Amino acid sequence: MSFGDDTPTNSAVKPDKKRSDKDQQMGSALRSVYQKTVDEAVPDEMMALLGKLD
């Protein structure tokens, strides 16, 4: 079964620089979005609802 990744699985094959740069940019963008999400404050309404669960 293929999931759309047509890259060779042979570890001796080195990834080309263009793909490596693209992967690094994607990783950086994903880390940035994740960090912004983690840093986002929890709304007071949500905290009130969570407080009712205690």
N, C-alpha and C. Protein backbone atom coordinates (compact mmCIF):
# COMPACT_ATOMS: atom_id res chain seq x y z
N MET A 1 0.85 -1.18 0.00
CA MET A 1 0.00 0.00 0.00
C MET A 1 0.88 1.23 0.00
N SER A 2 0.54 2.18 -0.82
CA SER A 2 1.32 3.42 -0.92
C SER A 2 0.50 4.58 -0.37
N PHE A 3 1.15 5.45 0.36
CA PHE A 3 0.50 6.62 0.91
C PHE A 3 0.96 7.89 0.21
N GLY A 4 1.40 7.79 -1.02
CA GLY A 4 1.78 8.95 -1.79
C GLY A 4 3.23 9.35 -1.65
N ASP A 5 3.99 8.67 -0.81
CA ASP A 5 5.40 8.99 -0.63
C ASP A 5 6.21 8.10 -1.56
N ASP A 6 6.67 8.65 -2.65
CA ASP A 6 7.38 7.88 -3.65
C ASP A 6 8.89 7.94 -3.47
N THR A 7 9.36 8.40 -2.32
CA THR A 7 10.79 8.50 -2.10
C THR A 7 11.36 7.11 -1.87
N PRO A 8 12.58 6.87 -2.34
CA PRO A 8 13.21 5.57 -2.14
C PRO A 8 13.45 5.33 -0.65
N THR A 9 13.36 4.06 -0.25
CA THR A 9 13.58 3.72 1.15
C THR A 9 15.01 3.30 1.42
N ASN A 10 15.85 3.30 0.41
CA ASN A 10 17.25 2.92 0.56
C ASN A 10 17.99 4.01 1.33
N SER A 11 18.60 3.64 2.47
CA SER A 11 19.26 4.63 3.31
C SER A 11 20.52 5.19 2.66
N ALA A 12 21.02 4.54 1.62
CA ALA A 12 22.23 5.02 0.95
C ALA A 12 21.91 6.20 0.02
N VAL A 13 20.63 6.38 -0.31
CA VAL A 13 20.24 7.47 -1.20
C VAL A 13 20.14 8.75 -0.36
N LYS A 14 20.89 9.76 -0.76
CA LYS A 14 20.88 11.03 -0.03
C LYS A 14 19.75 11.91 -0.58
N PRO A 15 18.98 12.55 0.32
CA PRO A 15 17.94 13.45 -0.17
C PRO A 15 18.58 14.67 -0.84
N ASP A 16 17.93 15.17 -1.88
CA ASP A 16 18.51 16.33 -2.54
C ASP A 16 18.32 17.58 -1.68
N LYS A 17 19.15 18.56 -1.92
CA LYS A 17 19.18 19.77 -1.09
C LYS A 17 17.86 20.52 -1.16
N LYS A 18 17.23 20.57 -2.33
CA LYS A 18 15.98 21.31 -2.47
C LYS A 18 14.91 20.73 -1.57
N ARG A 19 14.78 19.43 -1.52
CA ARG A 19 13.78 18.80 -0.67
C ARG A 19 14.13 19.00 0.80
N SER A 20 15.38 18.91 1.14
CA SER A 20 15.81 19.09 2.52
C SER A 20 15.48 20.50 3.00
N ASP A 21 15.73 21.51 2.19
CA ASP A 21 15.41 22.89 2.55
C ASP A 21 13.90 23.05 2.72
N LYS A 22 13.14 22.44 1.83
CA LYS A 22 11.68 22.52 1.91
C LYS A 22 11.19 21.86 3.19
N ASP A 23 11.76 20.72 3.56
CA ASP A 23 11.39 20.03 4.79
C ASP A 23 11.71 20.88 6.01
N GLN A 24 12.85 21.54 5.97
CA GLN A 24 13.23 22.40 7.10
C GLN A 24 12.28 23.59 7.23
N GLN A 25 11.90 24.16 6.11
CA GLN A 25 10.97 25.29 6.14
C GLN A 25 9.61 24.84 6.68
N MET A 26 9.15 23.68 6.25
CA MET A 26 7.87 23.16 6.71
C MET A 26 7.93 22.88 8.21
N GLY A 27 9.00 22.29 8.66
CA GLY A 27 9.17 22.01 10.09
C GLY A 27 9.17 23.28 10.91
N SER A 28 9.84 24.29 10.42
CA SER A 28 9.90 25.57 11.11
C SER A 28 8.52 26.21 11.19
N ALA A 29 7.77 26.16 10.10
CA ALA A 29 6.42 26.73 10.07
C ALA A 29 5.50 25.98 11.04
N LEU A 30 5.59 24.66 11.07
CA LEU A 30 4.75 23.88 11.97
C LEU A 30 5.10 24.16 13.43
N ARG A 31 6.40 24.27 13.73
CA ARG A 31 6.81 24.59 15.11
C ARG A 31 6.29 25.96 15.52
N SER A 32 6.32 26.91 14.62
CA SER A 32 5.85 28.26 14.90
C SER A 32 4.35 28.27 15.21
N VAL A 33 3.56 27.59 14.39
CA VAL A 33 2.12 27.52 14.61
C VAL A 33 1.82 26.81 15.91
N TYR A 34 2.52 25.72 16.18
CA TYR A 34 2.31 24.99 17.43
C TYR A 34 2.62 25.88 18.63
N GLN A 35 3.74 26.59 18.59
CA GLN A 35 4.13 27.44 19.72
C GLN A 35 3.11 28.55 19.95
N LYS A 36 2.60 29.14 18.87
CA LYS A 36 1.57 30.18 19.02
C LYS A 36 0.32 29.62 19.67
N THR A 37 -0.04 28.39 19.32
CA THR A 37 -1.21 27.75 19.91
C THR A 37 -0.99 27.47 21.39
N VAL A 38 0.18 26.99 21.75
CA VAL A 38 0.50 26.70 23.14
C VAL A 38 0.49 27.98 23.97
N ASP A 39 0.98 29.07 23.41
CA ASP A 39 1.07 30.34 24.13
C ASP A 39 -0.27 31.07 24.24
N GLU A 40 -1.26 30.64 23.46
CA GLU A 40 -2.56 31.32 23.46
C GLU A 40 -3.25 31.11 24.81
N ALA A 41 -3.83 32.17 25.33
CA ALA A 41 -4.52 32.10 26.63
C ALA A 41 -5.82 31.32 26.50
N VAL A 42 -6.17 30.63 27.60
CA VAL A 42 -7.45 29.92 27.65
C VAL A 42 -8.53 30.95 28.02
N PRO A 43 -9.60 31.02 27.24
CA PRO A 43 -10.66 32.00 27.54
C PRO A 43 -11.27 31.77 28.92
N ASP A 44 -11.69 32.87 29.55
CA ASP A 44 -12.29 32.80 30.89
C ASP A 44 -13.50 31.87 30.92
N GLU A 45 -14.30 31.90 29.86
CA GLU A 45 -15.50 31.04 29.81
C GLU A 45 -15.11 29.57 29.88
N MET A 46 -14.05 29.20 29.20
CA MET A 46 -13.58 27.81 29.21
C MET A 46 -13.05 27.44 30.59
N MET A 47 -12.33 28.36 31.23
CA MET A 47 -11.82 28.10 32.57
C MET A 47 -12.97 27.93 33.55
N ALA A 48 -14.04 28.72 33.38
CA ALA A 48 -15.21 28.59 34.26
C ALA A 48 -15.86 27.21 34.07
N LEU A 49 -15.98 26.77 32.84
CA LEU A 49 -16.55 25.45 32.59
C LEU A 49 -15.69 24.35 33.19
N LEU A 50 -14.38 24.47 33.02
CA LEU A 50 -13.47 23.47 33.58
C LEU A 50 -13.55 23.48 35.11
N GLY A 51 -13.73 24.66 35.70
CA GLY A 51 -13.84 24.76 37.15
C GLY A 51 -15.07 24.04 37.68
N LYS A 52 -16.13 23.96 36.90
CA LYS A 52 -17.35 23.27 37.32
C LYS A 52 -17.16 21.76 37.35
N LEU A 53 -16.12 21.25 36.70
CA LEU A 53 -15.89 19.79 36.69
C LEU A 53 -15.29 19.29 38.00
N ASP A 54 -14.75 20.20 38.80
CA ASP A 54 -14.13 19.78 40.06
C ASP A 54 -15.13 19.32 41.08
